[in-house]
Amino acid sequence: MPAIFRTLTLACVSLSLALPAFAAANPPQRPQYVIISFDGAHELAQWQRSRNLAARTGARFTYFLSCVFLLSRDKRTEYKAPGRSAGRSNVGFAQSKDEVRQRLSQIWLARAEGHDIASHACGHFDGKAWSKADWLSEFASFNRILRDAYEINGIEGEPEGWKRFAETEIKGFRVPYLSDSKALYSALAEDKFAYDASGVSRGPAEPRPVDGIMRFSLPQIPEGPKGRPVIAMDYNLFVRHSGGIERKDEGAAFENRAYDAFHAAFEREYNGQRIPFELGFHFTLMNGGAYWRALERFAGEVCVKADVKCVSYADYLADRHDATRAGNVGG
């Protein structure tokens, strides 16, 4: 996996992040939202594993899809990133037509089960220096490749409604490397995305509308013996724990550290203001799958609570819209 993910721990962050929040005597009656997402959505086994977790816990996830995984290697020139030659990608392509077929099936099943399919662009390039026109070109590539994936790869059995899904239901975005820019946000607004989840905040933060797009942020949460803040994403934990190098022999310890950090951050909100708590993951099993095991433990414990809603970004926006219409803005 590329090593230029934003791994800031921001030493200047207020030490209050590392301290237990005061538990409100009368916590808000609104539900505690937990929003769990996956970037890239590559490995087929992890598609199934995540869907199984959802079935056990009632959770609904957002899958930020990289469109290059819908192109077999012999079709890779269908994609051309801004400023690069055709057929280039930072994360590769699918290895075969059958792999694409299986991934398309997983996407369709996840959608049918109520999960949110969103965009992670295509080739996982760092577009911080891209222009608005570059981003619009990348969005157009994503839209075309998703819409025409069956035809491009010569796969039979396109489900009825697939093209309508591709053209009308992709409303969310997370930028690769969390590398946002003014040009990106201008392009997102022009392409009429409903939400962006590329931000990073000091702690759990309420999403905010900007230029008609709801902006979400992955929080920094206290982690480890010293409670140093780290972005609540598996890759950032991987870098924190082992420098981005696999150390499977310590996987159990890393799992417990991640679980403890997730649980403590959740409890702080659950017993406090109940700000939505966001977590980000990839389909890569880092440090022997430590962070997925921590996620499964965490979701299995909290998503089944009556006053907790483990939802996708799209579900959260729908709930917020319904609450606003009902006159219960905070609900």
C-alpha atoms as a PDB file:
ATOM      1  CA  MET A   1       0.000   0.000   0.000  1.00  0.00           C
ATOM      2  CA  PRO A   2       1.421   3.452  -0.810  1.00  0.00           C
ATOM      3  CA  ALA A   3       3.119   5.070   2.160  1.00  0.00           C
ATOM      4  CA  ILE A   4       1.973   8.623   1.676  1.00  0.00           C
ATOM      5  CA  PHE A   5      -1.315   8.427   3.517  1.00  0.00           C
ATOM      6  CA  ARG A   6      -1.792  11.368   5.814  1.00  0.00           C
ATOM      7  CA  THR A   7      -0.504   9.945   9.103  1.00  0.00           C
ATOM      8  CA  LEU A   8      -0.410  13.123  11.106  1.00  0.00           C
ATOM      9  CA  THR A   9      -0.767  12.757  14.828  1.00  0.00           C
ATOM     10  CA  LEU A  10      -0.630  16.540  15.340  1.00  0.00           C
ATOM     11  CA  ALA A  11       1.323  16.820  18.531  1.00  0.00           C
ATOM     12  CA  CYS A  12      -0.154  20.251  19.014  1.00  0.00           C
ATOM     13  CA  VAL A  13      -3.646  18.803  19.446  1.00  0.00           C
ATOM     14  CA  SER A  14      -5.141  19.707  22.775  1.00  0.00           C
ATOM     15  CA  LEU A  15      -4.302  17.275  25.538  1.00  0.00           C
ATOM     16  CA  SER A  16      -7.991  17.169  26.315  1.00  0.00           C
ATOM     17  CA  LEU A  17      -8.339  14.534  23.590  1.00  0.00           C
ATOM     18  CA  ALA A  18      -6.427  12.133  25.811  1.00  0.00           C
ATOM     19  CA  LEU A  19      -8.562  12.752  28.859  1.00  0.00           C
ATOM     20  CA  PRO A  20     -11.901  11.093  29.593  1.00  0.00           C
ATOM     21  CA  ALA A  21     -14.767  13.382  28.776  1.00  0.00           C
ATOM     22  CA  PHE A  22     -17.161  14.258  31.553  1.00  0.00           C
ATOM     23  CA  ALA A  23     -20.162  11.928  31.263  1.00  0.00           C
ATOM     24  CA  ALA A  24     -23.299  13.969  30.979  1.00  0.00           C
ATOM     25  CA  ALA A  25     -25.759  13.357  33.770  1.00  0.00           C
ATOM     26  CA  ASN A  26     -28.554  13.311  31.217  1.00  0.00           C
ATOM     27  CA  PRO A  27     -27.136  12.280  27.829  1.00  0.00           C
ATOM     28  CA  PRO A  28     -29.011  13.496  24.751  1.00  0.00           C
ATOM     29  CA  GLN A  29     -31.888  11.303  23.728  1.00  0.00           C
ATOM     30  CA  ARG A  30     -30.843  11.224  20.096  1.00  0.00           C
ATOM     31  CA  PRO A  31     -29.201   7.978  18.961  1.00  0.00           C
ATOM     32  CA  GLN A  32     -25.462   7.546  18.886  1.00  0.00           C
ATOM     33  CA  TYR A  33     -24.449   7.254  15.247  1.00  0.00           C
ATOM     34  CA  VAL A  34     -21.468   5.150  14.232  1.00  0.00           C
ATOM     35  CA  ILE A  35     -20.382   5.473  10.600  1.00  0.00           C
ATOM     36  CA  ILE A  36     -18.031   2.776   9.312  1.00  0.00           C
ATOM     37  CA  SER A  37     -16.539   2.890   5.829  1.00  0.00           C
ATOM     38  CA  PHE A  38     -14.102   0.988   3.646  1.00  0.00           C
ATOM     39  CA  ASP A  39     -11.724   2.551   1.087  1.00  0.00           C
ATOM     40  CA  GLY A  40     -10.814   0.852  -2.191  1.00  0.00           C
ATOM     41  CA  ALA A  41     -13.171  -2.113  -1.793  1.00  0.00           C
ATOM     42  CA  HIS A  42     -10.792  -4.502  -3.545  1.00  0.00           C
ATOM     43  CA  GLU A  43     -10.342  -7.963  -2.002  1.00  0.00           C
ATOM     44  CA  LEU A  44     -13.308 -10.244  -2.641  1.00  0.00           C
ATOM     45  CA  ALA A  45     -12.970 -12.075   0.681  1.00  0.00           C
ATOM     46  CA  GLN A  46     -13.263  -8.787   2.557  1.00  0.00           C
ATOM     47  CA  TRP A  47     -16.427  -7.891   0.680  1.00  0.00           C
ATOM     48  CA  GLN A  48     -17.995 -11.066   2.009  1.00  0.00           C
ATOM     49  CA  ARG A  49     -16.511 -10.673   5.482  1.00  0.00           C
ATOM     50  CA  SER A  50     -17.829  -7.119   5.826  1.00  0.00           C
ATOM     51  CA  ARG A  51     -21.281  -8.145   4.615  1.00  0.00           C
ATOM     52  CA  ASN A  52     -21.287 -10.988   7.116  1.00  0.00           C
ATOM     53  CA  LEU A  53     -20.419  -8.527   9.883  1.00  0.00           C
ATOM     54  CA  ALA A  54     -23.307  -6.320   8.793  1.00  0.00           C
ATOM     55  CA  ALA A  55     -25.696  -9.262   8.829  1.00  0.00           C
ATOM     56  CA  ARG A  56     -24.642 -10.177  12.383  1.00  0.00           C
ATOM     57  CA  THR A  57     -24.869  -6.684  13.819  1.00  0.00           C
ATOM     58  CA  GLY A  58     -27.455  -4.842  11.733  1.00  0.00           C
ATOM     59  CA  ALA A  59     -24.829  -2.330  10.596  1.00  0.00           C
ATOM     60  CA  ARG A  60     -24.817  -0.643   7.208  1.00  0.00           C
ATOM     61  CA  PHE A  61     -21.528   0.453   5.666  1.00  0.00           C
ATOM     62  CA  THR A  62     -20.201   2.819   3.018  1.00  0.00           C
ATOM     63  CA  TYR A  63     -17.890   1.304   0.415  1.00  0.00           C
ATOM     64  CA  PHE A  64     -15.652   3.877  -1.284  1.00  0.00           C
ATOM     65  CA  LEU A  65     -14.899   2.079  -4.534  1.00  0.00           C
ATOM     66  CA  SER A  66     -11.787   2.550  -6.685  1.00  0.00           C
ATOM     67  CA  CYS A  67     -12.977   2.041 -10.255  1.00  0.00           C
ATOM     68  CA  VAL A  68      -9.741   0.463 -11.533  1.00  0.00           C
ATOM     69  CA  PHE A  69     -10.816  -2.711  -9.738  1.00  0.00           C
ATOM     70  CA  LEU A  70     -13.636  -2.954 -12.284  1.00  0.00           C
ATOM     71  CA  LEU A  71     -11.130  -3.303 -15.139  1.00  0.00           C
ATOM     72  CA  SER A  72      -9.275  -6.511 -15.886  1.00  0.00           C
ATOM     73  CA  ARG A  73      -5.614  -6.019 -16.775  1.00  0.00           C
ATOM     74  CA  ASP A  74      -6.262  -6.386 -20.499  1.00  0.00           C
ATOM     75  CA  LYS A  75      -8.826  -3.573 -20.253  1.00  0.00           C
ATOM     76  CA  ARG A  76      -6.693  -1.222 -18.171  1.00  0.00           C
ATOM     77  CA  THR A  77      -6.223   1.314 -20.962  1.00  0.00           C
ATOM     78  CA  GLU A  78      -9.912   2.163 -20.586  1.00  0.00           C
ATOM     79  CA  TYR A  79      -8.708   4.379 -17.726  1.00  0.00           C
ATOM     80  CA  LYS A  80      -6.518   7.438 -18.134  1.00  0.00           C
ATOM     81  CA  ALA A  81      -5.715   9.523 -15.078  1.00  0.00           C
ATOM     82  CA  PRO A  82      -5.114  13.265 -15.418  1.00  0.00           C
ATOM     83  CA  GLY A  83      -1.536  13.914 -16.503  1.00  0.00           C
ATOM     84  CA  ARG A  84      -0.683  10.239 -16.966  1.00  0.00           C
ATOM     85  CA  SER A  85      -0.678   7.770 -19.811  1.00  0.00           C
ATOM     86  CA  ALA A  86      -3.585   5.357 -20.236  1.00  0.00           C
ATOM     87  CA  GLY A  87      -3.537   2.182 -18.175  1.00  0.00           C
ATOM     88  CA  ARG A  88      -1.677   3.587 -15.159  1.00  0.00           C
ATOM     89  CA  SER A  89      -2.855   3.123 -11.569  1.00  0.00           C
ATOM     90  CA  ASN A  90      -1.287   3.417  -8.128  1.00  0.00           C
ATOM     91  CA  VAL A  91      -3.184   0.350  -6.904  1.00  0.00           C
ATOM     92  CA  GLY A  92      -3.175  -1.896  -9.952  1.00  0.00           C
ATOM     93  CA  PHE A  93      -6.198  -3.424 -11.656  1.00  0.00           C
ATOM     94  CA  ALA A  94      -8.259  -6.594 -11.388  1.00  0.00           C
ATOM     95  CA  GLN A  95      -6.303  -9.672 -12.364  1.00  0.00           C
ATOM     96  CA  SER A  96      -8.984 -11.256 -14.529  1.00  0.00           C
ATOM     97  CA  LYS A  97     -12.426 -10.881 -16.005  1.00  0.00           C
ATOM     98  CA  ASP A  98     -13.764 -13.386 -13.493  1.00  0.00           C
ATOM     99  CA  GLU A  99     -12.443 -11.294 -10.619  1.00  0.00           C
ATOM    100  CA  VAL A 100     -14.294  -8.280 -12.028  1.00  0.00           C
ATOM    101  CA  ARG A 101     -17.441 -10.369 -12.384  1.00  0.00           C
ATOM    102  CA  GLN A 102     -17.273 -11.442  -8.741  1.00  0.00           C
ATOM    103  CA  ARG A 103     -16.627  -7.896  -7.556  1.00  0.00           C
ATOM    104  CA  LEU A 104     -19.567  -6.564  -9.535  1.00  0.00           C
ATOM    105  CA  SER A 105     -21.717  -9.241  -7.915  1.00  0.00           C
ATOM    106  CA  GLN A 106     -20.531  -8.196  -4.446  1.00  0.00           C
ATOM    107  CA  ILE A 107     -21.320  -4.550  -5.182  1.00  0.00           C
ATOM    108  CA  TRP A 108     -24.822  -5.439  -6.323  1.00  0.00           C
ATOM    109  CA  LEU A 109     -25.440  -7.676  -3.300  1.00  0.00           C
ATOM    110  CA  ALA A 110     -24.179  -5.002  -0.899  1.00  0.00           C
ATOM    111  CA  ARG A 111     -26.418  -2.415  -2.507  1.00  0.00           C
ATOM    112  CA  ALA A 112     -29.414  -4.761  -2.217  1.00  0.00           C
ATOM    113  CA  GLU A 113     -28.631  -5.199   1.486  1.00  0.00           C
ATOM    114  CA  GLY A 114     -28.826  -1.452   2.067  1.00  0.00           C
ATOM    115  CA  HIS A 115     -25.154  -0.480   1.960  1.00  0.00           C
ATOM    116  CA  ASP A 116     -23.894   2.731   0.391  1.00  0.00           C
ATOM    117  CA  ILE A 117     -21.648   2.510  -2.687  1.00  0.00           C
ATOM    118  CA  ALA A 118     -19.579   5.672  -3.076  1.00  0.00           C
ATOM    119  CA  SER A 119     -16.556   6.885  -5.045  1.00  0.00           C
ATOM    120  CA  HIS A 120     -12.877   6.700  -4.132  1.00  0.00           C
ATOM    121  CA  ALA A 121     -11.989   7.930  -7.628  1.00  0.00           C
ATOM    122  CA  CYS A 122     -10.145   5.500  -9.885  1.00  0.00           C
ATOM    123  CA  GLY A 123      -6.378   5.104  -9.845  1.00  0.00           C
ATOM    124  CA  HIS A 124      -5.679   6.212  -6.261  1.00  0.00           C
ATOM    125  CA  PHE A 125      -3.400   9.055  -7.276  1.00  0.00           C
ATOM    126  CA  ASP A 126      -2.638  12.009  -5.018  1.00  0.00           C
ATOM    127  CA  GLY A 127      -4.657  14.730  -6.743  1.00  0.00           C
ATOM    128  CA  LYS A 128      -3.764  17.592  -4.429  1.00  0.00           C
ATOM    129  CA  ALA A 129      -2.270  19.525  -7.352  1.00  0.00           C
ATOM    130  CA  TRP A 130      -5.013  18.596  -9.824  1.00  0.00           C
ATOM    131  CA  SER A 131      -7.191  21.308 -11.274  1.00  0.00           C
ATOM    132  CA  LYS A 132     -10.962  21.343 -11.164  1.00  0.00           C
ATOM    133  CA  ALA A 133     -10.975  20.106 -14.770  1.00  0.00           C
ATOM    134  CA  ASP A 134      -8.677  17.218 -13.777  1.00  0.00           C
ATOM    135  CA  TRP A 135     -11.050  16.178 -11.024  1.00  0.00           C
ATOM    136  CA  LEU A 136     -14.063  16.396 -13.305  1.00  0.00           C
ATOM    137  CA  SER A 137     -12.203  14.136 -15.747  1.00  0.00           C
ATOM    138  CA  GLU A 138     -11.493  11.639 -12.975  1.00  0.00           C
ATOM    139  CA  PHE A 139     -15.156  11.659 -11.900  1.00  0.00           C
ATOM    140  CA  ALA A 140     -16.208  11.102 -15.520  1.00  0.00           C
ATOM    141  CA  SER A 141     -13.875   8.092 -15.736  1.00  0.00           C
ATOM    142  CA  PHE A 142     -15.349   6.638 -12.566  1.00  0.00           C
ATOM    143  CA  ASN A 143     -18.905   7.158 -13.777  1.00  0.00           C
ATOM    144  CA  ARG A 144     -18.281   5.609 -17.198  1.00  0.00           C
ATOM    145  CA  ILE A 145     -16.315   2.604 -15.942  1.00  0.00           C
ATOM    146  CA  LEU A 146     -18.871   1.789 -13.243  1.00  0.00           C
ATOM    147  CA  ARG A 147     -21.800   2.235 -15.624  1.00  0.00           C
ATOM    148  CA  ASP A 148     -20.276   0.219 -18.464  1.00  0.00           C
ATOM    149  CA  ALA A 149     -18.286  -2.329 -16.448  1.00  0.00           C
ATOM    150  CA  TYR A 150     -20.174  -5.339 -17.780  1.00  0.00           C
ATOM    151  CA  GLU A 151     -19.831  -4.220 -21.392  1.00  0.00           C
ATOM    152  CA  ILE A 152     -16.184  -3.123 -21.111  1.00  0.00           C
ATOM    153  CA  ASN A 153     -15.119  -6.472 -19.652  1.00  0.00           C
ATOM    154  CA  GLY A 154     -17.357  -8.600 -21.847  1.00  0.00           C
ATOM    155  CA  ILE A 155     -19.309  -9.956 -18.883  1.00  0.00           C
ATOM    156  CA  GLU A 156     -22.824 -11.230 -19.408  1.00  0.00           C
ATOM    157  CA  GLY A 157     -25.699 -10.917 -16.954  1.00  0.00           C
ATOM    158  CA  GLU A 158     -25.770  -7.210 -16.183  1.00  0.00           C
ATOM    159  CA  PRO A 159     -28.543  -6.790 -13.586  1.00  0.00           C
ATOM    160  CA  GLU A 160     -31.591  -4.811 -14.553  1.00  0.00           C
ATOM    161  CA  GLY A 161     -31.159  -1.351 -13.096  1.00  0.00           C
ATOM    162  CA  TRP A 162     -27.337  -1.449 -12.978  1.00  0.00           C
ATOM    163  CA  LYS A 163     -26.858   1.575 -15.236  1.00  0.00           C
ATOM    164  CA  ARG A 164     -29.501   3.550 -13.350  1.00  0.00           C
ATOM    165  CA  PHE A 165     -27.697   2.726 -10.109  1.00  0.00           C
ATOM    166  CA  ALA A 166     -24.349   3.846 -11.534  1.00  0.00           C
ATOM    167  CA  GLU A 167     -25.777   7.058 -12.940  1.00  0.00           C
ATOM    168  CA  THR A 168     -27.941   8.162 -10.013  1.00  0.00           C
ATOM    169  CA  GLU A 169     -26.881   6.543  -6.729  1.00  0.00           C
ATOM    170  CA  ILE A 170     -23.189   7.432  -6.329  1.00  0.00           C
ATOM    171  CA  LYS A 171     -23.533  10.458  -4.065  1.00  0.00           C
ATOM    172  CA  GLY A 172     -20.493  10.248  -1.788  1.00  0.00           C
ATOM    173  CA  PHE A 173     -16.741  10.671  -2.157  1.00  0.00           C
ATOM    174  CA  ARG A 174     -13.509  10.210  -0.229  1.00  0.00           C
ATOM    175  CA  VAL A 175     -10.297  11.425  -1.806  1.00  0.00           C
ATOM    176  CA  PRO A 176      -7.263   9.086  -1.912  1.00  0.00           C
ATOM    177  CA  TYR A 177      -4.716   9.825   0.819  1.00  0.00           C
ATOM    178  CA  LEU A 178      -7.270  12.231   2.361  1.00  0.00           C
ATOM    179  CA  SER A 179      -5.492  14.751   0.122  1.00  0.00           C
ATOM    180  CA  ASP A 180      -8.178  17.386  -0.383  1.00  0.00           C
ATOM    181  CA  SER A 181      -7.970  20.776  -2.124  1.00  0.00           C
ATOM    182  CA  LYS A 182     -10.092  23.729  -3.194  1.00  0.00           C
ATOM    183  CA  ALA A 183     -10.160  22.404  -6.756  1.00  0.00           C
ATOM    184  CA  LEU A 184     -11.527  19.081  -5.532  1.00  0.00           C
ATOM    185  CA  TYR A 185     -14.359  20.684  -3.580  1.00  0.00           C
ATOM    186  CA  SER A 186     -15.254  22.918  -6.506  1.00  0.00           C
ATOM    187  CA  ALA A 187     -15.456  19.846  -8.750  1.00  0.00           C
ATOM    188  CA  LEU A 188     -17.511  17.918  -6.202  1.00  0.00           C
ATOM    189  CA  ALA A 189     -20.028  20.751  -6.069  1.00  0.00           C
ATOM    190  CA  GLU A 190     -20.284  20.949  -9.852  1.00  0.00           C
ATOM    191  CA  ASP A 191     -20.731  17.170 -10.097  1.00  0.00           C
ATOM    192  CA  LYS A 192     -23.509  17.409  -7.482  1.00  0.00           C
ATOM    193  CA  PHE A 193     -22.132  15.035  -4.862  1.00  0.00           C
ATOM    194  CA  ALA A 194     -24.219  14.968  -1.694  1.00  0.00           C
ATOM    195  CA  TYR A 195     -21.332  14.397   0.718  1.00  0.00           C
ATOM    196  CA  ASP A 196     -17.567  14.223   1.029  1.00  0.00           C
ATOM    197  CA  ALA A 197     -15.766  12.239   3.728  1.00  0.00           C
ATOM    198  CA  SER A 198     -12.197  13.400   3.121  1.00  0.00           C
ATOM    199  CA  GLY A 199     -11.715  15.593   6.174  1.00  0.00           C
ATOM    200  CA  VAL A 200      -9.834  15.047   9.426  1.00  0.00           C
ATOM    201  CA  SER A 201     -10.923  16.589  12.727  1.00  0.00           C
ATOM    202  CA  ARG A 202      -9.379  16.850  16.191  1.00  0.00           C
ATOM    203  CA  GLY A 203     -12.068  14.596  17.595  1.00  0.00           C
ATOM    204  CA  PRO A 204     -15.535  13.450  16.523  1.00  0.00           C
ATOM    205  CA  ALA A 205     -17.164  16.395  14.781  1.00  0.00           C
ATOM    206  CA  GLU A 206     -20.619  17.153  13.488  1.00  0.00           C
ATOM    207  CA  PRO A 207     -20.693  17.175   9.686  1.00  0.00           C
ATOM    208  CA  ARG A 208     -21.242  20.574   8.140  1.00  0.00           C
ATOM    209  CA  PRO A 209     -22.707  21.696   4.818  1.00  0.00           C
ATOM    210  CA  VAL A 210     -20.398  23.677   2.532  1.00  0.00           C
ATOM    211  CA  ASP A 211     -21.502  24.741  -0.962  1.00  0.00           C
ATOM    212  CA  GLY A 212     -24.349  22.261  -0.861  1.00  0.00           C
ATOM    213  CA  ILE A 213     -22.149  19.284   0.108  1.00  0.00           C
ATOM    214  CA  MET A 214     -22.135  17.747   3.580  1.00  0.00           C
ATOM    215  CA  ARG A 215     -18.537  17.422   4.745  1.00  0.00           C
ATOM    216  CA  PHE A 216     -17.594  14.633   7.141  1.00  0.00           C
ATOM    217  CA  SER A 217     -14.275  14.166   8.929  1.00  0.00           C
ATOM    218  CA  LEU A 218     -12.502  11.138  10.310  1.00  0.00           C
ATOM    219  CA  PRO A 219     -11.665  12.018  13.914  1.00  0.00           C
ATOM    220  CA  GLN A 220      -8.360  11.836  15.677  1.00  0.00           C
ATOM    221  CA  ILE A 221      -8.793   9.688  18.761  1.00  0.00           C
ATOM    222  CA  PRO A 222      -6.511   8.984  21.742  1.00  0.00           C
ATOM    223  CA  GLU A 223      -4.600   5.724  21.314  1.00  0.00           C
ATOM    224  CA  GLY A 224      -1.966   3.714  23.114  1.00  0.00           C
ATOM    225  CA  PRO A 225      -0.358   4.035  26.551  1.00  0.00           C
ATOM    226  CA  LYS A 226       0.196   7.777  26.176  1.00  0.00           C
ATOM    227  CA  GLY A 227      -3.161   8.505  24.574  1.00  0.00           C
ATOM    228  CA  ARG A 228      -1.581  10.209  21.580  1.00  0.00           C
ATOM    229  CA  PRO A 229      -4.146  11.182  18.915  1.00  0.00           C
ATOM    230  CA  VAL A 230      -4.259   9.200  15.691  1.00  0.00           C
ATOM    231  CA  ILE A 231      -6.682   9.320  12.770  1.00  0.00           C
ATOM    232  CA  ALA A 232      -9.378   6.680  13.310  1.00  0.00           C
ATOM    233  CA  MET A 233      -8.390   4.616  10.289  1.00  0.00           C
ATOM    234  CA  ASP A 234      -6.686   1.233  10.101  1.00  0.00           C
ATOM    235  CA  TYR A 235      -3.764   2.434   7.964  1.00  0.00           C
ATOM    236  CA  ASN A 236      -2.863   5.173  10.431  1.00  0.00           C
ATOM    237  CA  LEU A 237      -2.897   2.630  13.249  1.00  0.00           C
ATOM    238  CA  PHE A 238      -0.719   0.337  11.114  1.00  0.00           C
ATOM    239  CA  VAL A 239       1.855   3.107  10.721  1.00  0.00           C
ATOM    240  CA  ARG A 240       1.621   4.046  14.405  1.00  0.00           C
ATOM    241  CA  HIS A 241       2.054   0.470  15.617  1.00  0.00           C
ATOM    242  CA  SER A 242       4.625  -1.008  13.250  1.00  0.00           C
ATOM    243  CA  GLY A 243       5.844   1.738  10.951  1.00  0.00           C
ATOM    244  CA  GLY A 244       3.758   0.328   8.116  1.00  0.00           C
ATOM    245  CA  ILE A 245       5.685  -2.972   8.221  1.00  0.00           C
ATOM    246  CA  GLU A 246       3.865  -6.243   8.845  1.00  0.00           C
ATOM    247  CA  ARG A 247       4.407  -7.595  12.367  1.00  0.00           C
ATOM    248  CA  LYS A 248       1.872 -10.402  12.575  1.00  0.00           C
ATOM    249  CA  ASP A 249       3.454 -11.803  15.730  1.00  0.00           C
ATOM    250  CA  GLU A 250       2.251  -8.706  17.592  1.00  0.00           C
ATOM    251  CA  GLY A 251      -1.170  -8.673  15.967  1.00  0.00           C
ATOM    252  CA  ALA A 252      -3.048  -9.549  19.154  1.00  0.00           C
ATOM    253  CA  ALA A 253      -1.525  -6.608  21.017  1.00  0.00           C
ATOM    254  CA  PHE A 254      -2.254  -4.236  18.140  1.00  0.00           C
ATOM    255  CA  GLU A 255      -5.818  -5.536  17.954  1.00  0.00           C
ATOM    256  CA  ASN A 256      -6.372  -4.811  21.635  1.00  0.00           C
ATOM    257  CA  ARG A 257      -4.898  -1.329  21.352  1.00  0.00           C
ATOM    258  CA  ALA A 258      -7.151  -0.529  18.386  1.00  0.00           C
ATOM    259  CA  TYR A 259     -10.244  -1.960  20.081  1.00  0.00           C
ATOM    260  CA  ASP A 260      -9.521  -0.022  23.277  1.00  0.00           C
ATOM    261  CA  ALA A 261      -9.126   3.209  21.294  1.00  0.00           C
ATOM    262  CA  PHE A 262     -12.363   2.644  19.347  1.00  0.00           C
ATOM    263  CA  HIS A 263     -14.288   1.730  22.488  1.00  0.00           C
ATOM    264  CA  ALA A 264     -13.032   4.664  24.566  1.00  0.00           C
ATOM    265  CA  ALA A 265     -13.783   7.185  21.802  1.00  0.00           C
ATOM    266  CA  PHE A 266     -17.240   5.709  21.347  1.00  0.00           C
ATOM    267  CA  GLU A 267     -18.004   5.801  25.074  1.00  0.00           C
ATOM    268  CA  ARG A 268     -16.947   9.434  25.269  1.00  0.00           C
ATOM    269  CA  GLU A 269     -19.623  10.351  22.732  1.00  0.00           C
ATOM    270  CA  TYR A 270     -22.220   7.817  23.842  1.00  0.00           C
ATOM    271  CA  ASN A 271     -22.113   9.200  27.394  1.00  0.00           C
ATOM    272  CA  GLY A 272     -21.688  12.775  26.231  1.00  0.00           C
ATOM    273  CA  GLN A 273     -22.879  14.819  23.268  1.00  0.00           C
ATOM    274  CA  ARG A 274     -23.433  11.851  20.944  1.00  0.00           C
ATOM    275  CA  ILE A 275     -21.578  13.351  18.038  1.00  0.00           C
ATOM    276  CA  PRO A 276     -21.396  10.830  15.171  1.00  0.00           C
ATOM    277  CA  PHE A 277     -18.340   8.585  15.501  1.00  0.00           C
ATOM    278  CA  GLU A 278     -16.617   7.736  12.215  1.00  0.00           C
ATOM    279  CA  LEU A 279     -14.170   4.910  11.523  1.00  0.00           C
ATOM    280  CA  GLY A 280     -12.307   4.170   8.286  1.00  0.00           C
ATOM    281  CA  PHE A 281     -10.866   0.874   7.055  1.00  0.00           C
ATOM    282  CA  HIS A 282      -9.392  -0.772   3.978  1.00  0.00           C
ATOM    283  CA  PHE A 283      -9.828  -4.249   2.575  1.00  0.00           C
ATOM    284  CA  THR A 284      -6.152  -4.961   3.303  1.00  0.00           C
ATOM    285  CA  LEU A 285      -5.458  -7.069   6.404  1.00  0.00           C
ATOM    286  CA  MET A 286      -2.691  -5.109   8.108  1.00  0.00           C
ATOM    287  CA  ASN A 287      -0.621  -6.644  10.905  1.00  0.00           C
ATOM    288  CA  GLY A 288      -2.294  -9.978  10.332  1.00  0.00           C
ATOM    289  CA  GLY A 289      -5.811  -8.560  10.319  1.00  0.00           C
ATOM    290  CA  ALA A 290      -5.507  -6.915  13.741  1.00  0.00           C
ATOM    291  CA  TYR A 291      -7.659  -3.918  12.852  1.00  0.00           C
ATOM    292  CA  TRP A 292     -10.447  -5.910  11.232  1.00  0.00           C
ATOM    293  CA  ARG A 293     -10.645  -8.106  14.326  1.00  0.00           C
ATOM    294  CA  ALA A 294     -10.832  -4.969  16.460  1.00  0.00           C
ATOM    295  CA  LEU A 295     -13.594  -3.658  14.209  1.00  0.00           C
ATOM    296  CA  GLU A 296     -15.562  -6.896  14.456  1.00  0.00           C
ATOM    297  CA  ARG A 297     -15.327  -6.878  18.250  1.00  0.00           C
ATOM    298  CA  PHE A 298     -16.310  -3.220  18.409  1.00  0.00           C
ATOM    299  CA  ALA A 299     -19.227  -3.457  15.981  1.00  0.00           C
ATOM    300  CA  GLY A 300     -20.457  -6.659  17.601  1.00  0.00           C
ATOM    301  CA  GLU A 301     -20.631  -4.861  20.931  1.00  0.00           C
ATOM    302  CA  VAL A 302     -22.021  -1.426  20.037  1.00  0.00           C
ATOM    303  CA  CYS A 303     -24.069  -1.810  16.849  1.00  0.00           C
ATOM    304  CA  VAL A 304     -26.565  -4.061  18.612  1.00  0.00           C
ATOM    305  CA  LYS A 305     -27.420  -1.425  21.241  1.00  0.00           C
ATOM    306  CA  ALA A 306     -30.981  -0.108  20.974  1.00  0.00           C
ATOM    307  CA  ASP A 307     -29.871   3.534  21.002  1.00  0.00           C
ATOM    308  CA  VAL A 308     -26.947   3.112  18.612  1.00  0.00           C
ATOM    309  CA  LYS A 309     -27.292   3.335  14.833  1.00  0.00           C
ATOM    310  CA  CYS A 310     -24.386   1.903  12.830  1.00  0.00           C
ATOM    311  CA  VAL A 311     -25.158   3.430   9.462  1.00  0.00           C
ATOM    312  CA  SER A 312     -23.635   4.446   6.165  1.00  0.00           C
ATOM    313  CA  TYR A 313     -22.961   8.066   5.299  1.00  0.00           C
ATOM    314  CA  ALA A 314     -25.979   8.015   2.991  1.00  0.00           C
ATOM    315  CA  ASP A 315     -28.188   6.630   5.765  1.00  0.00           C
ATOM    316  CA  TYR A 316     -27.012   9.322   8.161  1.00  0.00           C
ATOM    317  CA  LEU A 317     -27.891  12.041   5.673  1.00  0.00           C
ATOM    318  CA  ALA A 318     -31.319  10.486   5.093  1.00  0.00           C
ATOM    319  CA  ASP A 319     -31.963  10.324   8.848  1.00  0.00           C
ATOM    320  CA  ARG A 320     -30.859  13.907   9.282  1.00  0.00           C
ATOM    321  CA  HIS A 321     -33.122  15.018   6.450  1.00  0.00           C
ATOM    322  CA  ASP A 322     -36.078  13.153   7.945  1.00  0.00           C
ATOM    323  CA  ALA A 323     -35.398  14.616  11.390  1.00  0.00           C
ATOM    324  CA  THR A 324     -35.191  18.133   9.967  1.00  0.00           C
ATOM    325  CA  ARG A 325     -38.476  17.721   8.144  1.00  0.00           C
ATOM    326  CA  ALA A 326     -40.038  16.502  11.379  1.00  0.00           C
ATOM    327  CA  GLY A 327     -38.710  19.561  13.211  1.00  0.00           C
ATOM    328  CA  ASN A 328     -36.198  17.556  15.256  1.00  0.00           C
ATOM    329  CA  VAL A 329     -32.945  18.893  13.907  1.00  0.00           C
ATOM    330  CA  GLY A 330     -30.816  17.251  16.573  1.00  0.00           C
ATOM    331  CA  GLY A 331     -32.481  13.858  16.302  1.00  0.00           C
END
